[in-house]
Amino acid sequence: MYKILLAVDGSDPSVRATQALIKSLREHKASPQIDVLTVHLPLPNIGTIGSVITKEIRDRYYQEECDEALAPTIKLLDEAGIKYQVHRAIGPIADTIVEKAAELGSDLIYMGTHGRGGATKLIMGSVANKVLQLSPIPVQLVK
């Protein structure tokens, strides 16, 4: 079975990527396995903050943040009647997307791009660009 990893962060580009994926699935009558992934950066390790922020608080924070990032995509996929599995991960965004795609045996990574270019891209970097560089499988970017 063909497997697509849809990487989302709750942003407008993620919503557009989800909409484009839904449209492509309707046009091709395809029924691949859809894995929806959101990745949250780890909280910084600042001195003795671990004595204030417990593992339970941290885990709840990650859960709430990931749920918020997933919500627009889940809503669109549910409305379209498309089956999917949800995955949440903590780590460097691009690296974690590529690692999760390998772990799941994905055939394609599907994601939105914020469309930054030029000097902004040089200064800030680009998750999409890094995924393109790291991924051994095809990456479909939606602007």
N, C-alpha and C. Protein backbone atom coordinates (compact mmCIF):
# COMPACT_ATOMS: atom_id res chain seq x y z
N MET A 1 0.84 -1.18 0.00
CA MET A 1 0.00 0.00 0.00
C MET A 1 0.89 1.24 0.00
N TYR A 2 0.51 2.22 -0.78
CA TYR A 2 1.23 3.48 -0.87
C TYR A 2 0.99 4.28 0.40
N LYS A 3 2.06 4.84 0.97
CA LYS A 3 1.96 5.55 2.24
C LYS A 3 2.41 6.99 2.08
N ILE A 4 1.58 7.91 2.55
CA ILE A 4 1.89 9.34 2.49
C ILE A 4 1.98 9.88 3.90
N LEU A 5 3.08 10.58 4.18
CA LEU A 5 3.24 11.28 5.44
C LEU A 5 2.90 12.74 5.20
N LEU A 6 1.83 13.21 5.82
CA LEU A 6 1.40 14.61 5.72
C LEU A 6 1.91 15.33 6.96
N ALA A 7 2.93 16.18 6.77
CA ALA A 7 3.53 16.91 7.88
C ALA A 7 2.83 18.26 8.02
N VAL A 8 2.31 18.54 9.21
CA VAL A 8 1.53 19.76 9.42
C VAL A 8 1.96 20.48 10.69
N ASP A 9 1.69 21.80 10.72
CA ASP A 9 2.00 22.59 11.91
C ASP A 9 0.85 23.52 12.30
N GLY A 10 -0.31 23.34 11.69
CA GLY A 10 -1.47 24.17 12.02
C GLY A 10 -1.54 25.48 11.26
N SER A 11 -0.53 25.77 10.45
CA SER A 11 -0.47 27.04 9.73
C SER A 11 -1.33 27.00 8.47
N ASP A 12 -1.53 28.18 7.86
CA ASP A 12 -2.25 28.25 6.59
C ASP A 12 -1.60 27.38 5.51
N PRO A 13 -0.26 27.38 5.38
CA PRO A 13 0.34 26.47 4.39
C PRO A 13 0.05 25.00 4.67
N SER A 14 -0.05 24.62 5.94
CA SER A 14 -0.41 23.23 6.26
C SER A 14 -1.84 22.93 5.84
N VAL A 15 -2.73 23.89 6.04
CA VAL A 15 -4.12 23.72 5.62
C VAL A 15 -4.18 23.58 4.10
N ARG A 16 -3.43 24.43 3.39
CA ARG A 16 -3.42 24.33 1.92
C ARG A 16 -2.86 22.98 1.46
N ALA A 17 -1.84 22.49 2.15
CA ALA A 17 -1.28 21.18 1.80
C ALA A 17 -2.32 20.08 2.02
N THR A 18 -3.04 20.17 3.13
CA THR A 18 -4.09 19.18 3.41
C THR A 18 -5.18 19.24 2.34
N GLN A 19 -5.60 20.45 1.99
CA GLN A 19 -6.62 20.61 0.94
C GLN A 19 -6.13 20.05 -0.39
N ALA A 20 -4.87 20.31 -0.73
CA ALA A 20 -4.31 19.81 -1.99
C ALA A 20 -4.24 18.29 -1.98
N LEU A 21 -3.88 17.71 -0.85
CA LEU A 21 -3.83 16.26 -0.75
C LEU A 21 -5.22 15.67 -0.92
N ILE A 22 -6.20 16.24 -0.25
CA ILE A 22 -7.58 15.75 -0.38
C ILE A 22 -8.03 15.81 -1.83
N LYS A 23 -7.76 16.92 -2.49
CA LYS A 23 -8.14 17.07 -3.90
C LYS A 23 -7.45 16.03 -4.77
N SER A 24 -6.16 15.82 -4.54
CA SER A 24 -5.45 14.84 -5.37
C SER A 24 -5.97 13.43 -5.15
N LEU A 25 -6.36 13.12 -3.91
CA LEU A 25 -6.91 11.79 -3.64
C LEU A 25 -8.25 11.60 -4.34
N ARG A 26 -9.06 12.65 -4.40
CA ARG A 26 -10.36 12.57 -5.08
C ARG A 26 -10.17 12.43 -6.59
N GLU A 27 -9.21 13.17 -7.14
CA GLU A 27 -8.98 13.14 -8.59
C GLU A 27 -8.47 11.78 -9.05
N HIS A 28 -7.66 11.15 -8.24
CA HIS A 28 -7.03 9.89 -8.65
C HIS A 28 -7.70 8.66 -8.05
N LYS A 29 -8.72 8.89 -7.27
CA LYS A 29 -9.43 7.79 -6.62
C LYS A 29 -8.46 6.88 -5.87
N ALA A 30 -7.39 7.48 -5.40
CA ALA A 30 -6.38 6.72 -4.67
C ALA A 30 -6.82 6.51 -3.23
N SER A 31 -6.34 5.44 -2.64
CA SER A 31 -6.63 5.23 -1.23
C SER A 31 -5.35 4.80 -0.51
N PRO A 32 -4.37 5.69 -0.48
CA PRO A 32 -3.14 5.36 0.25
C PRO A 32 -3.35 5.46 1.75
N GLN A 33 -2.39 4.95 2.48
CA GLN A 33 -2.40 5.15 3.92
C GLN A 33 -1.90 6.57 4.18
N ILE A 34 -2.64 7.33 4.97
CA ILE A 34 -2.27 8.70 5.31
C ILE A 34 -1.83 8.74 6.77
N ASP A 35 -0.59 9.17 6.98
CA ASP A 35 -0.08 9.40 8.32
C ASP A 35 0.09 10.90 8.49
N VAL A 36 -0.58 11.47 9.48
CA VAL A 36 -0.50 12.91 9.74
C VAL A 36 0.46 13.10 10.90
N LEU A 37 1.46 13.95 10.68
CA LEU A 37 2.50 14.16 11.68
C LEU A 37 2.63 15.64 12.01
N THR A 38 2.74 15.93 13.29
CA THR A 38 3.16 17.25 13.72
C THR A 38 4.36 17.06 14.64
N VAL A 39 5.30 17.98 14.52
CA VAL A 39 6.53 17.91 15.31
C VAL A 39 6.66 19.20 16.12
N HIS A 40 6.93 19.05 17.39
CA HIS A 40 7.14 20.21 18.26
C HIS A 40 8.60 20.25 18.66
N LEU A 41 9.17 21.44 18.63
CA LEU A 41 10.55 21.59 19.11
C LEU A 41 10.61 21.29 20.60
N PRO A 42 11.70 20.67 21.05
CA PRO A 42 11.83 20.42 22.49
C PRO A 42 11.93 21.73 23.26
N LEU A 43 11.40 21.71 24.46
CA LEU A 43 11.56 22.87 25.34
C LEU A 43 13.03 22.99 25.71
N PRO A 44 13.53 24.20 25.83
CA PRO A 44 14.94 24.36 26.20
C PRO A 44 15.20 23.86 27.62
N ASN A 45 16.37 23.35 27.82
CA ASN A 45 16.78 22.87 29.14
C ASN A 45 17.51 24.01 29.84
N ILE A 46 16.80 24.74 30.68
CA ILE A 46 17.35 25.93 31.31
C ILE A 46 17.55 25.67 32.80
N GLY A 47 18.78 25.43 33.18
CA GLY A 47 19.14 25.30 34.59
C GLY A 47 18.23 24.41 35.40
N THR A 48 17.67 24.97 36.44
CA THR A 48 16.85 24.20 37.39
C THR A 48 15.36 24.25 37.06
N ILE A 49 15.02 24.60 35.82
CA ILE A 49 13.59 24.70 35.47
C ILE A 49 12.89 23.35 35.60
N GLY A 50 13.67 22.26 35.52
CA GLY A 50 13.09 20.93 35.68
C GLY A 50 12.48 20.70 37.04
N SER A 51 12.89 21.46 38.01
CA SER A 51 12.30 21.31 39.34
C SER A 51 10.94 22.02 39.42
N VAL A 52 10.67 22.92 38.48
CA VAL A 52 9.40 23.64 38.45
C VAL A 52 8.45 23.01 37.44
N ILE A 53 8.98 22.66 36.29
CA ILE A 53 8.16 22.05 35.24
C ILE A 53 8.36 20.54 35.29
N THR A 54 7.36 19.85 35.77
CA THR A 54 7.43 18.40 35.90
C THR A 54 7.25 17.74 34.54
N LYS A 55 7.56 16.46 34.47
CA LYS A 55 7.37 15.70 33.24
C LYS A 55 5.91 15.74 32.83
N GLU A 56 5.00 15.66 33.78
CA GLU A 56 3.57 15.67 33.49
C GLU A 56 3.16 17.02 32.87
N ILE A 57 3.66 18.11 33.42
CA ILE A 57 3.34 19.43 32.87
C ILE A 57 3.90 19.55 31.46
N ARG A 58 5.14 19.12 31.28
CA ARG A 58 5.77 19.18 29.96
C ARG A 58 5.00 18.33 28.94
N ASP A 59 4.66 17.11 29.33
CA ASP A 59 3.93 16.22 28.42
C ASP A 59 2.56 16.79 28.06
N ARG A 60 1.88 17.39 29.04
CA ARG A 60 0.57 18.00 28.78
C ARG A 60 0.72 19.18 27.82
N TYR A 61 1.78 19.98 28.02
CA TYR A 61 2.06 21.10 27.12
C TYR A 61 2.27 20.61 25.69
N TYR A 62 3.12 19.59 25.52
CA TYR A 62 3.36 19.05 24.18
C TYR A 62 2.06 18.52 23.57
N GLN A 63 1.26 17.82 24.35
CA GLN A 63 0.00 17.26 23.86
C GLN A 63 -0.93 18.37 23.38
N GLU A 64 -1.09 19.41 24.18
CA GLU A 64 -1.99 20.51 23.82
C GLU A 64 -1.49 21.26 22.59
N GLU A 65 -0.20 21.51 22.53
CA GLU A 65 0.37 22.22 21.38
C GLU A 65 0.24 21.38 20.10
N CYS A 66 0.51 20.10 20.19
CA CYS A 66 0.38 19.23 19.03
C CYS A 66 -1.08 19.11 18.59
N ASP A 67 -1.98 18.98 19.55
CA ASP A 67 -3.40 18.90 19.21
C ASP A 67 -3.86 20.15 18.48
N GLU A 68 -3.38 21.30 18.93
CA GLU A 68 -3.73 22.57 18.27
C GLU A 68 -3.18 22.60 16.84
N ALA A 69 -1.98 22.12 16.64
CA ALA A 69 -1.38 22.10 15.30
C ALA A 69 -2.09 21.12 14.38
N LEU A 70 -2.60 20.03 14.94
CA LEU A 70 -3.27 19.00 14.15
C LEU A 70 -4.72 19.34 13.82
N ALA A 71 -5.36 20.15 14.64
CA ALA A 71 -6.80 20.38 14.55
C ALA A 71 -7.31 20.76 13.16
N PRO A 72 -6.71 21.74 12.47
CA PRO A 72 -7.26 22.10 11.15
C PRO A 72 -7.19 20.95 10.13
N THR A 73 -6.11 20.21 10.17
CA THR A 73 -5.95 19.08 9.24
C THR A 73 -6.93 17.97 9.56
N ILE A 74 -7.06 17.64 10.83
CA ILE A 74 -7.99 16.58 11.24
C ILE A 74 -9.41 16.94 10.84
N LYS A 75 -9.77 18.19 11.02
CA LYS A 75 -11.12 18.64 10.64
C LYS A 75 -11.35 18.43 9.14
N LEU A 76 -10.39 18.85 8.32
CA LEU A 76 -10.54 18.71 6.87
C LEU A 76 -10.59 17.25 6.44
N LEU A 77 -9.72 16.43 6.99
CA LEU A 77 -9.71 15.01 6.63
C LEU A 77 -10.99 14.31 7.08
N ASP A 78 -11.48 14.64 8.27
CA ASP A 78 -12.74 14.06 8.76
C ASP A 78 -13.91 14.46 7.86
N GLU A 79 -13.97 15.74 7.50
CA GLU A 79 -15.04 16.23 6.63
C GLU A 79 -15.00 15.54 5.26
N ALA A 80 -13.80 15.21 4.78
CA ALA A 80 -13.65 14.56 3.48
C ALA A 80 -13.83 13.04 3.58
N GLY A 81 -13.95 12.53 4.79
CA GLY A 81 -14.13 11.09 4.97
C GLY A 81 -12.88 10.28 4.69
N ILE A 82 -11.73 10.89 4.89
CA ILE A 82 -10.46 10.22 4.63
C ILE A 82 -9.91 9.65 5.93
N LYS A 83 -9.51 8.39 5.87
CA LYS A 83 -8.94 7.74 7.05
C LYS A 83 -7.48 8.12 7.17
N TYR A 84 -7.01 8.20 8.41
CA TYR A 84 -5.64 8.62 8.66
C TYR A 84 -5.22 8.16 10.06
N GLN A 85 -3.92 8.20 10.29
CA GLN A 85 -3.38 7.96 11.62
C GLN A 85 -2.61 9.20 12.03
N VAL A 86 -2.72 9.57 13.29
CA VAL A 86 -2.06 10.76 13.81
C VAL A 86 -0.78 10.37 14.55
N HIS A 87 0.25 11.18 14.33
CA HIS A 87 1.52 10.98 15.01
C HIS A 87 1.99 12.33 15.55
N ARG A 88 2.50 12.31 16.76
CA ARG A 88 3.07 13.51 17.39
C ARG A 88 4.52 13.18 17.72
N ALA A 89 5.40 14.14 17.50
CA ALA A 89 6.81 13.91 17.79
C ALA A 89 7.43 15.19 18.36
N ILE A 90 8.49 15.00 19.10
CA ILE A 90 9.24 16.11 19.67
C ILE A 90 10.67 16.00 19.14
N GLY A 91 11.17 17.11 18.60
CA GLY A 91 12.54 17.09 18.10
C GLY A 91 12.76 18.18 17.09
N PRO A 92 13.94 18.19 16.47
CA PRO A 92 14.20 19.14 15.39
C PRO A 92 13.23 18.85 14.25
N ILE A 93 12.54 19.86 13.76
CA ILE A 93 11.39 19.66 12.87
C ILE A 93 11.74 18.85 11.62
N ALA A 94 12.62 19.35 10.77
CA ALA A 94 12.90 18.68 9.50
C ALA A 94 13.48 17.28 9.71
N ASP A 95 14.45 17.18 10.60
CA ASP A 95 15.07 15.87 10.86
C ASP A 95 14.03 14.86 11.33
N THR A 96 13.14 15.31 12.20
CA THR A 96 12.14 14.41 12.77
C THR A 96 11.12 13.99 11.71
N ILE A 97 10.76 14.89 10.82
CA ILE A 97 9.84 14.53 9.72
C ILE A 97 10.45 13.42 8.88
N VAL A 98 11.71 13.59 8.49
CA VAL A 98 12.38 12.59 7.65
C VAL A 98 12.55 11.27 8.40
N GLU A 99 12.92 11.34 9.67
CA GLU A 99 13.07 10.12 10.47
C GLU A 99 11.74 9.38 10.62
N LYS A 100 10.66 10.13 10.86
CA LYS A 100 9.34 9.50 11.03
C LYS A 100 8.88 8.87 9.71
N ALA A 101 9.16 9.55 8.59
CA ALA A 101 8.80 8.98 7.29
C ALA A 101 9.51 7.63 7.08
N ALA A 102 10.77 7.56 7.46
CA ALA A 102 11.52 6.30 7.34
C ALA A 102 10.94 5.24 8.27
N GLU A 103 10.66 5.63 9.50
CA GLU A 103 10.10 4.71 10.50
C GLU A 103 8.77 4.12 10.03
N LEU A 104 7.94 4.96 9.40
CA LEU A 104 6.61 4.52 8.96
C LEU A 104 6.62 3.83 7.60
N GLY A 105 7.75 3.88 6.92
CA GLY A 105 7.82 3.30 5.58
C GLY A 105 7.08 4.13 4.55
N SER A 106 7.09 5.45 4.73
CA SER A 106 6.36 6.34 3.83
C SER A 106 6.99 6.35 2.44
N ASP A 107 6.14 6.50 1.43
CA ASP A 107 6.60 6.60 0.04
C ASP A 107 6.69 8.05 -0.41
N LEU A 108 6.05 8.97 0.32
CA LEU A 108 6.00 10.37 -0.05
C LEU A 108 5.78 11.21 1.20
N ILE A 109 6.49 12.34 1.27
CA ILE A 109 6.24 13.34 2.31
C ILE A 109 5.50 14.49 1.64
N TYR A 110 4.40 14.87 2.22
CA TYR A 110 3.53 15.93 1.68
C TYR A 110 3.49 17.04 2.71
N MET A 111 3.81 18.27 2.31
CA MET A 111 3.81 19.35 3.30
C MET A 111 3.66 20.70 2.63
N GLY A 112 3.23 21.67 3.41
CA GLY A 112 3.13 23.04 2.93
C GLY A 112 4.45 23.75 3.11
N THR A 113 4.61 24.83 2.37
CA THR A 113 5.79 25.67 2.53
C THR A 113 5.33 27.08 2.80
N HIS A 114 6.04 27.74 3.66
CA HIS A 114 5.67 29.11 4.02
C HIS A 114 6.06 30.09 2.93
N GLY A 115 6.76 29.62 1.91
CA GLY A 115 7.06 30.46 0.76
C GLY A 115 8.08 31.54 1.03
N ARG A 116 8.87 31.36 2.07
CA ARG A 116 9.91 32.35 2.33
C ARG A 116 11.04 32.13 1.33
N GLY A 117 11.65 33.19 0.94
CA GLY A 117 12.75 33.07 0.00
C GLY A 117 13.76 34.17 0.25
N GLY A 118 14.76 34.21 -0.58
CA GLY A 118 15.74 35.28 -0.52
C GLY A 118 16.45 35.36 0.81
N ALA A 119 16.62 36.59 1.30
CA ALA A 119 17.38 36.83 2.52
C ALA A 119 16.72 36.18 3.73
N THR A 120 15.39 36.17 3.79
CA THR A 120 14.70 35.56 4.93
C THR A 120 15.07 34.09 5.03
N LYS A 121 15.10 33.41 3.89
CA LYS A 121 15.43 31.99 3.88
C LYS A 121 16.87 31.77 4.34
N LEU A 122 17.76 32.63 3.92
CA LEU A 122 19.16 32.49 4.32
C LEU A 122 19.33 32.68 5.82
N ILE A 123 18.60 33.61 6.38
CA ILE A 123 18.72 33.91 7.81
C ILE A 123 17.99 32.86 8.64
N MET A 124 16.75 32.56 8.29
CA MET A 124 15.90 31.70 9.10
C MET A 124 16.03 30.22 8.77
N GLY A 125 16.46 29.92 7.57
CA GLY A 125 16.43 28.54 7.14
C GLY A 125 15.03 28.18 6.72
N SER A 126 14.86 26.99 6.23
CA SER A 126 13.55 26.56 5.78
C SER A 126 13.36 25.09 6.10
N VAL A 127 12.30 24.80 6.83
CA VAL A 127 12.01 23.41 7.16
C VAL A 127 11.81 22.62 5.87
N ALA A 128 11.04 23.17 4.95
CA ALA A 128 10.78 22.46 3.69
C ALA A 128 12.07 22.21 2.94
N ASN A 129 12.93 23.21 2.87
CA ASN A 129 14.19 23.06 2.16
C ASN A 129 15.05 21.99 2.82
N LYS A 130 15.09 21.96 4.13
CA LYS A 130 15.89 20.96 4.83
C LYS A 130 15.31 19.56 4.64
N VAL A 131 13.98 19.44 4.65
CA VAL A 131 13.36 18.14 4.39
C VAL A 131 13.75 17.66 2.99
N LEU A 132 13.71 18.57 2.02
CA LEU A 132 14.12 18.22 0.65
C LEU A 132 15.55 17.70 0.62
N GLN A 133 16.42 18.34 1.37
CA GLN A 133 17.83 17.94 1.39
C GLN A 133 18.05 16.60 2.08
N LEU A 134 17.31 16.34 3.13
CA LEU A 134 17.53 15.15 3.95
C LEU A 134 16.78 13.91 3.46
N SER A 135 15.66 14.10 2.80
CA SER A 135 14.77 12.98 2.51
C SER A 135 15.24 12.12 1.34
N PRO A 136 15.30 10.82 1.56
CA PRO A 136 15.62 9.91 0.46
C PRO A 136 14.38 9.56 -0.38
N ILE A 137 13.20 9.98 0.10
CA ILE A 137 11.96 9.72 -0.64
C ILE A 137 11.44 11.04 -1.20
N PRO A 138 10.55 10.99 -2.19
CA PRO A 138 10.01 12.23 -2.77
C PRO A 138 9.27 13.08 -1.74
N VAL A 139 9.36 14.39 -1.96
CA VAL A 139 8.68 15.36 -1.11
C VAL A 139 7.81 16.23 -2.01
N GLN A 140 6.52 16.31 -1.70
CA GLN A 140 5.60 17.15 -2.43
C GLN A 140 5.35 18.41 -1.61
N LEU A 141 5.77 19.56 -2.12
CA LEU A 141 5.57 20.82 -1.42
C LEU A 141 4.39 21.56 -2.02
N VAL A 142 3.57 22.15 -1.16
CA VAL A 142 2.42 22.92 -1.58
C VAL A 142 2.59 24.32 -1.04
N LYS A 143 2.53 25.30 -1.94
CA LYS A 143 2.69 26.69 -1.51
C LYS A 143 1.34 27.34 -1.30
